[in-house]
Amino acid sequence: MKGQWKIKYIFITHSHLDHILGLPFLADNLIFGRKRHRVNVVSIPPVIRTIKKSLLDGSIWPDFTVIPNTHAAILNLIELRPGHSIKVDGYTITPYPVSHSVPATGFLVEDRRERRFFYTGDMGPSDVTWEKIGEKEIQCLIIETSFPNRMEEIAIRTGHLTARLLKKELSKMLKLPERIYITHPKPQYSDLIKSEIKKLNLAHTRLLKDGDLIQV
């Protein structure tokens, strides 16, 4: 609970349940906590609209965007257009479009030293993402690889990557990041995906695990 009370901003890449499931429970915990405060939920307009319409509409859980009242609600939904930035605690955070089965965005985070990391969220093959980011140098990339190579067809159809598709995406970047972290492997294929990524022989690349702390 002490950790939850510290949360002020949550950046959502897309509206699939595994990425938004914690929002109502977080709000429920905070409203009954001793240190009640507002949490800002930030994403692109289509994602915010879906969260409001399908998750926080009051039908399956209380609408914490109006509780305890509209002026002091626990959750504050903020729409951020692709390419437009928001500044939070000295960081500049900018959404960039990614290819997925629903509207989705990655987030480019830049500090005062102009060091950057890019978190893709769920994404499939995309030229637009890297074209929009352009010549910005990225020190750290957090990117998904959900399926093994043999499942490339379903990966593309559902907006995800395999190790082979990951390599193609990296070739679209002007310069490889100093570090590459892999997320979102399907648990039943995790060992196989890890093995296939290792065979790519990419320096400073590893699969993330729960609880990892990254310093850029």
C-alpha atoms as a PDB file:
ATOM      1  CA  MET A   1       0.000   0.000   0.000  1.00  0.00           C
ATOM      2  CA  LYS A   2       2.817   2.438   0.756  1.00  0.00           C
ATOM      3  CA  GLY A   3       4.138   1.929  -2.757  1.00  0.00           C
ATOM      4  CA  GLN A   4       0.717   2.495  -4.281  1.00  0.00           C
ATOM      5  CA  TRP A   5       0.308   5.795  -2.429  1.00  0.00           C
ATOM      6  CA  LYS A   6       3.425   7.084  -4.224  1.00  0.00           C
ATOM      7  CA  ILE A   7       1.964   6.580  -7.710  1.00  0.00           C
ATOM      8  CA  LYS A   8       1.038   9.858  -9.422  1.00  0.00           C
ATOM      9  CA  TYR A   9       1.133   8.978 -13.141  1.00  0.00           C
ATOM     10  CA  ILE A  10       0.371   5.819 -15.107  1.00  0.00           C
ATOM     11  CA  PHE A  11       1.124   5.657 -18.833  1.00  0.00           C
ATOM     12  CA  ILE A  12      -0.998   3.131 -20.744  1.00  0.00           C
ATOM     13  CA  THR A  13       0.098   1.809 -24.145  1.00  0.00           C
ATOM     14  CA  HIS A  14      -3.222   0.248 -25.179  1.00  0.00           C
ATOM     15  CA  SER A  15      -6.532  -0.936 -23.811  1.00  0.00           C
ATOM     16  CA  HIS A  16      -6.118  -4.714 -23.689  1.00  0.00           C
ATOM     17  CA  LEU A  17      -7.116  -6.176 -20.341  1.00  0.00           C
ATOM     18  CA  ASP A  18      -3.658  -7.336 -19.244  1.00  0.00           C
ATOM     19  CA  HIS A  19      -2.489  -3.711 -19.475  1.00  0.00           C
ATOM     20  CA  ILE A  20      -5.377  -1.971 -17.697  1.00  0.00           C
ATOM     21  CA  LEU A  21      -6.657  -4.588 -15.237  1.00  0.00           C
ATOM     22  CA  GLY A  22      -4.875  -3.033 -12.258  1.00  0.00           C
ATOM     23  CA  LEU A  23      -6.423   0.436 -12.588  1.00  0.00           C
ATOM     24  CA  PRO A  24      -9.754  -0.209 -10.806  1.00  0.00           C
ATOM     25  CA  PHE A  25      -8.096  -2.152  -7.984  1.00  0.00           C
ATOM     26  CA  LEU A  26      -5.457   0.536  -7.486  1.00  0.00           C
ATOM     27  CA  ALA A  27      -8.179   3.176  -7.285  1.00  0.00           C
ATOM     28  CA  ASP A  28     -10.172   1.035  -4.860  1.00  0.00           C
ATOM     29  CA  ASN A  29      -7.142   0.707  -2.589  1.00  0.00           C
ATOM     30  CA  LEU A  30      -6.350   4.424  -2.705  1.00  0.00           C
ATOM     31  CA  ILE A  31      -9.831   5.686  -1.947  1.00  0.00           C
ATOM     32  CA  PHE A  32      -9.840   3.863   1.368  1.00  0.00           C
ATOM     33  CA  GLY A  33      -6.226   4.701   2.184  1.00  0.00           C
ATOM     34  CA  ARG A  34      -5.064   7.319   4.628  1.00  0.00           C
ATOM     35  CA  LYS A  35      -3.220   9.290   1.934  1.00  0.00           C
ATOM     36  CA  ARG A  36      -5.877   9.660  -0.715  1.00  0.00           C
ATOM     37  CA  HIS A  37      -4.652  11.475  -3.825  1.00  0.00           C
ATOM     38  CA  ARG A  38      -5.277  11.689  -7.555  1.00  0.00           C
ATOM     39  CA  VAL A  39      -3.563   9.402 -10.057  1.00  0.00           C
ATOM     40  CA  ASN A  40      -3.212  10.678 -13.625  1.00  0.00           C
ATOM     41  CA  VAL A  41      -3.764   8.027 -16.303  1.00  0.00           C
ATOM     42  CA  VAL A  42      -2.183   9.103 -19.595  1.00  0.00           C
ATOM     43  CA  SER A  43      -2.574   7.660 -23.088  1.00  0.00           C
ATOM     44  CA  ILE A  44      -3.618   8.475 -26.645  1.00  0.00           C
ATOM     45  CA  PRO A  45      -7.288   9.498 -27.142  1.00  0.00           C
ATOM     46  CA  PRO A  46      -8.642   6.125 -28.432  1.00  0.00           C
ATOM     47  CA  VAL A  47      -7.192   4.306 -25.421  1.00  0.00           C
ATOM     48  CA  ILE A  48      -8.560   6.820 -22.930  1.00  0.00           C
ATOM     49  CA  ARG A  49     -12.000   6.615 -24.538  1.00  0.00           C
ATOM     50  CA  THR A  50     -12.012   2.813 -24.300  1.00  0.00           C
ATOM     51  CA  ILE A  51     -10.930   2.856 -20.647  1.00  0.00           C
ATOM     52  CA  LYS A  52     -13.708   5.298 -19.817  1.00  0.00           C
ATOM     53  CA  LYS A  53     -16.361   3.483 -21.859  1.00  0.00           C
ATOM     54  CA  SER A  54     -15.561  -0.156 -21.142  1.00  0.00           C
ATOM     55  CA  LEU A  55     -13.660  -0.293 -17.834  1.00  0.00           C
ATOM     56  CA  LEU A  56     -14.704   2.750 -15.804  1.00  0.00           C
ATOM     57  CA  ASP A  57     -18.321   3.137 -16.866  1.00  0.00           C
ATOM     58  CA  GLY A  58     -19.788   1.993 -13.558  1.00  0.00           C
ATOM     59  CA  SER A  59     -21.219  -1.257 -14.894  1.00  0.00           C
ATOM     60  CA  ILE A  60     -18.564  -3.755 -13.797  1.00  0.00           C
ATOM     61  CA  TRP A  61     -16.758  -1.592 -11.226  1.00  0.00           C
ATOM     62  CA  PRO A  62     -17.309   1.869  -9.727  1.00  0.00           C
ATOM     63  CA  ASP A  63     -16.350   4.799 -11.975  1.00  0.00           C
ATOM     64  CA  PHE A  64     -13.346   6.207 -10.143  1.00  0.00           C
ATOM     65  CA  THR A  65     -13.147   9.167 -12.529  1.00  0.00           C
ATOM     66  CA  VAL A  66     -16.072  10.694 -10.594  1.00  0.00           C
ATOM     67  CA  ILE A  67     -15.425   9.262  -7.102  1.00  0.00           C
ATOM     68  CA  PRO A  68     -15.509  10.791  -4.555  1.00  0.00           C
ATOM     69  CA  ASN A  69     -16.605  13.627  -6.889  1.00  0.00           C
ATOM     70  CA  THR A  70     -15.771  15.012 -10.331  1.00  0.00           C
ATOM     71  CA  HIS A  71     -13.461  17.694  -8.889  1.00  0.00           C
ATOM     72  CA  ALA A  72     -11.416  15.368  -6.690  1.00  0.00           C
ATOM     73  CA  ALA A  73     -11.682  12.003  -8.431  1.00  0.00           C
ATOM     74  CA  ILE A  74      -9.139   9.282  -7.655  1.00  0.00           C
ATOM     75  CA  LEU A  75      -8.392   8.744 -11.361  1.00  0.00           C
ATOM     76  CA  ASN A  76      -7.824  11.585 -13.811  1.00  0.00           C
ATOM     77  CA  LEU A  77      -7.810  10.494 -17.461  1.00  0.00           C
ATOM     78  CA  ILE A  78      -5.486  12.547 -19.684  1.00  0.00           C
ATOM     79  CA  GLU A  79      -5.484  12.361 -23.487  1.00  0.00           C
ATOM     80  CA  LEU A  80      -2.077  12.870 -25.107  1.00  0.00           C
ATOM     81  CA  ARG A  81      -1.881  13.042 -28.886  1.00  0.00           C
ATOM     82  CA  PRO A  82       0.890  11.135 -30.703  1.00  0.00           C
ATOM     83  CA  GLY A  83       4.005  13.282 -31.018  1.00  0.00           C
ATOM     84  CA  HIS A  84       2.890  15.665 -28.250  1.00  0.00           C
ATOM     85  CA  SER A  85       4.855  15.625 -24.992  1.00  0.00           C
ATOM     86  CA  ILE A  86       4.094  15.867 -21.304  1.00  0.00           C
ATOM     87  CA  LYS A  87       6.676  16.776 -18.648  1.00  0.00           C
ATOM     88  CA  VAL A  88       6.677  14.844 -15.377  1.00  0.00           C
ATOM     89  CA  ASP A  89       9.322  15.272 -12.664  1.00  0.00           C
ATOM     90  CA  GLY A  90      11.987  16.425 -15.105  1.00  0.00           C
ATOM     91  CA  TYR A  91      11.213  13.808 -17.751  1.00  0.00           C
ATOM     92  CA  THR A  92       9.729  14.512 -21.174  1.00  0.00           C
ATOM     93  CA  ILE A  93       7.381  11.718 -22.249  1.00  0.00           C
ATOM     94  CA  THR A  94       6.117  11.488 -25.822  1.00  0.00           C
ATOM     95  CA  PRO A  95       3.773   8.896 -27.354  1.00  0.00           C
ATOM     96  CA  TYR A  96       4.675   7.398 -30.729  1.00  0.00           C
ATOM     97  CA  PRO A  97       2.342   5.108 -32.693  1.00  0.00           C
ATOM     98  CA  VAL A  98       2.994   1.371 -32.814  1.00  0.00           C
ATOM     99  CA  SER A  99       1.277  -1.341 -34.851  1.00  0.00           C
ATOM    100  CA  HIS A 100      -1.059  -3.555 -32.823  1.00  0.00           C
ATOM    101  CA  SER A 101      -4.510  -5.132 -33.099  1.00  0.00           C
ATOM    102  CA  VAL A 102      -6.065  -2.127 -31.316  1.00  0.00           C
ATOM    103  CA  PRO A 103      -4.965   1.539 -31.214  1.00  0.00           C
ATOM    104  CA  ALA A 104      -1.658   1.539 -29.355  1.00  0.00           C
ATOM    105  CA  THR A 105       1.310   3.705 -28.544  1.00  0.00           C
ATOM    106  CA  GLY A 106       4.848   3.403 -27.305  1.00  0.00           C
ATOM    107  CA  PHE A 107       6.393   6.023 -25.036  1.00  0.00           C
ATOM    108  CA  LEU A 108       9.708   7.799 -25.552  1.00  0.00           C
ATOM    109  CA  VAL A 109      11.102   9.046 -22.231  1.00  0.00           C
ATOM    110  CA  GLU A 110      13.862  11.666 -22.174  1.00  0.00           C
ATOM    111  CA  ASP A 111      15.688  13.129 -19.175  1.00  0.00           C
ATOM    112  CA  ARG A 112      17.438  16.486 -18.798  1.00  0.00           C
ATOM    113  CA  ARG A 113      20.680  14.993 -20.137  1.00  0.00           C
ATOM    114  CA  GLU A 114      18.838  14.007 -23.334  1.00  0.00           C
ATOM    115  CA  ARG A 115      19.238  10.325 -22.570  1.00  0.00           C
ATOM    116  CA  ARG A 116      16.256   8.378 -23.824  1.00  0.00           C
ATOM    117  CA  PHE A 117      14.507   5.059 -23.523  1.00  0.00           C
ATOM    118  CA  PHE A 118      11.652   3.866 -25.677  1.00  0.00           C
ATOM    119  CA  TYR A 119       9.023   1.462 -24.373  1.00  0.00           C
ATOM    120  CA  THR A 120       7.052  -0.084 -27.218  1.00  0.00           C
ATOM    121  CA  GLY A 121       4.325  -1.875 -25.305  1.00  0.00           C
ATOM    122  CA  ASP A 122       2.712  -4.528 -27.495  1.00  0.00           C
ATOM    123  CA  MET A 123       3.683  -4.058 -31.135  1.00  0.00           C
ATOM    124  CA  GLY A 124       3.963  -5.844 -34.441  1.00  0.00           C
ATOM    125  CA  PRO A 125       6.113  -4.964 -37.465  1.00  0.00           C
ATOM    126  CA  SER A 126       5.979  -1.227 -38.166  1.00  0.00           C
ATOM    127  CA  ASP A 127       7.794   1.229 -40.386  1.00  0.00           C
ATOM    128  CA  VAL A 128       5.829   4.210 -39.064  1.00  0.00           C
ATOM    129  CA  THR A 129       7.128   3.929 -35.498  1.00  0.00           C
ATOM    130  CA  TRP A 130      10.779   4.289 -36.459  1.00  0.00           C
ATOM    131  CA  GLU A 131      10.037   6.918 -39.123  1.00  0.00           C
ATOM    132  CA  LYS A 132       8.269   9.079 -36.525  1.00  0.00           C
ATOM    133  CA  ILE A 133      11.075   8.713 -33.998  1.00  0.00           C
ATOM    134  CA  GLY A 134      13.466   9.679 -36.769  1.00  0.00           C
ATOM    135  CA  GLU A 135      17.039  10.542 -35.832  1.00  0.00           C
ATOM    136  CA  LYS A 136      16.529  10.615 -32.064  1.00  0.00           C
ATOM    137  CA  GLU A 137      19.227   8.510 -30.429  1.00  0.00           C
ATOM    138  CA  ILE A 138      17.797   5.941 -28.022  1.00  0.00           C
ATOM    139  CA  GLN A 139      20.068   4.603 -25.292  1.00  0.00           C
ATOM    140  CA  CYS A 140      17.674   1.923 -24.065  1.00  0.00           C
ATOM    141  CA  LEU A 141      14.918   0.039 -25.901  1.00  0.00           C
ATOM    142  CA  ILE A 142      12.264  -1.989 -24.093  1.00  0.00           C
ATOM    143  CA  ILE A 143      10.521  -3.996 -26.787  1.00  0.00           C
ATOM    144  CA  GLU A 144       8.238  -7.007 -26.889  1.00  0.00           C
ATOM    145  CA  THR A 145       8.790 -10.475 -28.323  1.00  0.00           C
ATOM    146  CA  SER A 146       5.656 -12.516 -27.686  1.00  0.00           C
ATOM    147  CA  PHE A 147       5.915 -15.609 -29.903  1.00  0.00           C
ATOM    148  CA  PRO A 148       8.546 -18.104 -31.121  1.00  0.00           C
ATOM    149  CA  ASN A 149       9.643 -17.904 -34.749  1.00  0.00           C
ATOM    150  CA  ARG A 150       7.434 -20.782 -35.853  1.00  0.00           C
ATOM    151  CA  MET A 151       4.348 -18.715 -34.908  1.00  0.00           C
ATOM    152  CA  GLU A 152       5.235 -15.724 -37.080  1.00  0.00           C
ATOM    153  CA  GLU A 153       1.901 -15.738 -38.899  1.00  0.00           C
ATOM    154  CA  ILE A 154      -0.198 -15.413 -35.745  1.00  0.00           C
ATOM    155  CA  ALA A 155       2.285 -12.888 -34.338  1.00  0.00           C
ATOM    156  CA  ILE A 156       1.792 -10.600 -37.328  1.00  0.00           C
ATOM    157  CA  ARG A 157      -1.974 -11.111 -37.341  1.00  0.00           C
ATOM    158  CA  THR A 158      -2.305 -10.167 -33.655  1.00  0.00           C
ATOM    159  CA  GLY A 159       0.249  -7.344 -33.713  1.00  0.00           C
ATOM    160  CA  HIS A 160       3.222  -8.961 -31.995  1.00  0.00           C
ATOM    161  CA  LEU A 161       6.842  -9.895 -32.674  1.00  0.00           C
ATOM    162  CA  THR A 162       8.984 -13.019 -32.839  1.00  0.00           C
ATOM    163  CA  ALA A 163      12.773 -13.038 -32.489  1.00  0.00           C
ATOM    164  CA  ARG A 164      13.116 -13.007 -36.282  1.00  0.00           C
ATOM    165  CA  LEU A 165      10.672 -10.100 -36.595  1.00  0.00           C
ATOM    166  CA  LEU A 166      12.482  -8.313 -33.762  1.00  0.00           C
ATOM    167  CA  LYS A 167      15.708  -8.399 -35.753  1.00  0.00           C
ATOM    168  CA  LYS A 168      13.928  -6.848 -38.748  1.00  0.00           C
ATOM    169  CA  GLU A 169      12.540  -4.059 -36.544  1.00  0.00           C
ATOM    170  CA  LEU A 170      15.972  -3.284 -35.127  1.00  0.00           C
ATOM    171  CA  SER A 171      17.364  -3.010 -38.664  1.00  0.00           C
ATOM    172  CA  LYS A 172      14.956  -0.094 -39.240  1.00  0.00           C
ATOM    173  CA  MET A 173      16.594   1.986 -36.505  1.00  0.00           C
ATOM    174  CA  LEU A 174      19.337   4.421 -37.524  1.00  0.00           C
ATOM    175  CA  LYS A 175      21.484   3.290 -34.593  1.00  0.00           C
ATOM    176  CA  LEU A 176      21.101   0.326 -32.261  1.00  0.00           C
ATOM    177  CA  PRO A 177      20.466   1.235 -28.608  1.00  0.00           C
ATOM    178  CA  GLU A 178      23.143   0.629 -25.984  1.00  0.00           C
ATOM    179  CA  ARG A 179      20.795  -1.828 -24.284  1.00  0.00           C
ATOM    180  CA  ILE A 180      17.801  -3.821 -25.500  1.00  0.00           C
ATOM    181  CA  TYR A 181      15.374  -5.411 -23.068  1.00  0.00           C
ATOM    182  CA  ILE A 182      12.761  -7.938 -24.155  1.00  0.00           C
ATOM    183  CA  THR A 183       9.299  -8.101 -22.565  1.00  0.00           C
ATOM    184  CA  HIS A 184       5.936  -9.835 -22.995  1.00  0.00           C
ATOM    185  CA  PRO A 185       6.960 -13.408 -23.963  1.00  0.00           C
ATOM    186  CA  LYS A 186       4.072 -15.842 -23.782  1.00  0.00           C
ATOM    187  CA  PRO A 187       4.926 -17.857 -20.631  1.00  0.00           C
ATOM    188  CA  GLN A 188       4.634 -21.256 -22.313  1.00  0.00           C
ATOM    189  CA  TYR A 189       7.190 -20.197 -24.948  1.00  0.00           C
ATOM    190  CA  SER A 190       9.493 -18.137 -22.725  1.00  0.00           C
ATOM    191  CA  ASP A 191      12.481 -20.514 -22.819  1.00  0.00           C
ATOM    192  CA  LEU A 192      12.224 -21.014 -26.585  1.00  0.00           C
ATOM    193  CA  ILE A 193      11.953 -17.250 -27.205  1.00  0.00           C
ATOM    194  CA  LYS A 194      14.958 -16.655 -24.961  1.00  0.00           C
ATOM    195  CA  SER A 195      16.945 -19.213 -26.948  1.00  0.00           C
ATOM    196  CA  GLU A 196      15.935 -17.700 -30.296  1.00  0.00           C
ATOM    197  CA  ILE A 197      16.851 -14.198 -29.149  1.00  0.00           C
ATOM    198  CA  LYS A 198      20.254 -15.466 -27.983  1.00  0.00           C
ATOM    199  CA  LYS A 199      20.878 -16.846 -31.476  1.00  0.00           C
ATOM    200  CA  LEU A 200      20.480 -13.340 -32.913  1.00  0.00           C
ATOM    201  CA  ASN A 201      23.862 -12.463 -31.343  1.00  0.00           C
ATOM    202  CA  LEU A 202      22.720  -8.979 -30.360  1.00  0.00           C
ATOM    203  CA  ALA A 203      24.992  -7.317 -27.830  1.00  0.00           C
ATOM    204  CA  HIS A 204      23.544  -6.099 -24.522  1.00  0.00           C
ATOM    205  CA  THR A 205      20.197  -7.806 -25.095  1.00  0.00           C
ATOM    206  CA  ARG A 206      18.309  -9.795 -22.471  1.00  0.00           C
ATOM    207  CA  LEU A 207      14.864 -10.908 -21.422  1.00  0.00           C
ATOM    208  CA  LEU A 208      13.391  -8.925 -18.535  1.00  0.00           C
ATOM    209  CA  LYS A 209      11.827 -10.604 -15.525  1.00  0.00           C
ATOM    210  CA  ASP A 210       9.384  -9.350 -12.914  1.00  0.00           C
ATOM    211  CA  GLY A 211      11.031  -7.048 -10.392  1.00  0.00           C
ATOM    212  CA  ASP A 212      13.917  -5.913 -12.614  1.00  0.00           C
ATOM    213  CA  LEU A 213      14.988  -2.312 -12.012  1.00  0.00           C
ATOM    214  CA  ILE A 214      16.491  -0.511 -15.003  1.00  0.00           C
ATOM    215  CA  GLN A 215      18.665   2.579 -14.753  1.00  0.00           C
ATOM    216  CA  VAL A 216      19.270   4.397 -18.032  1.00  0.00           C
END
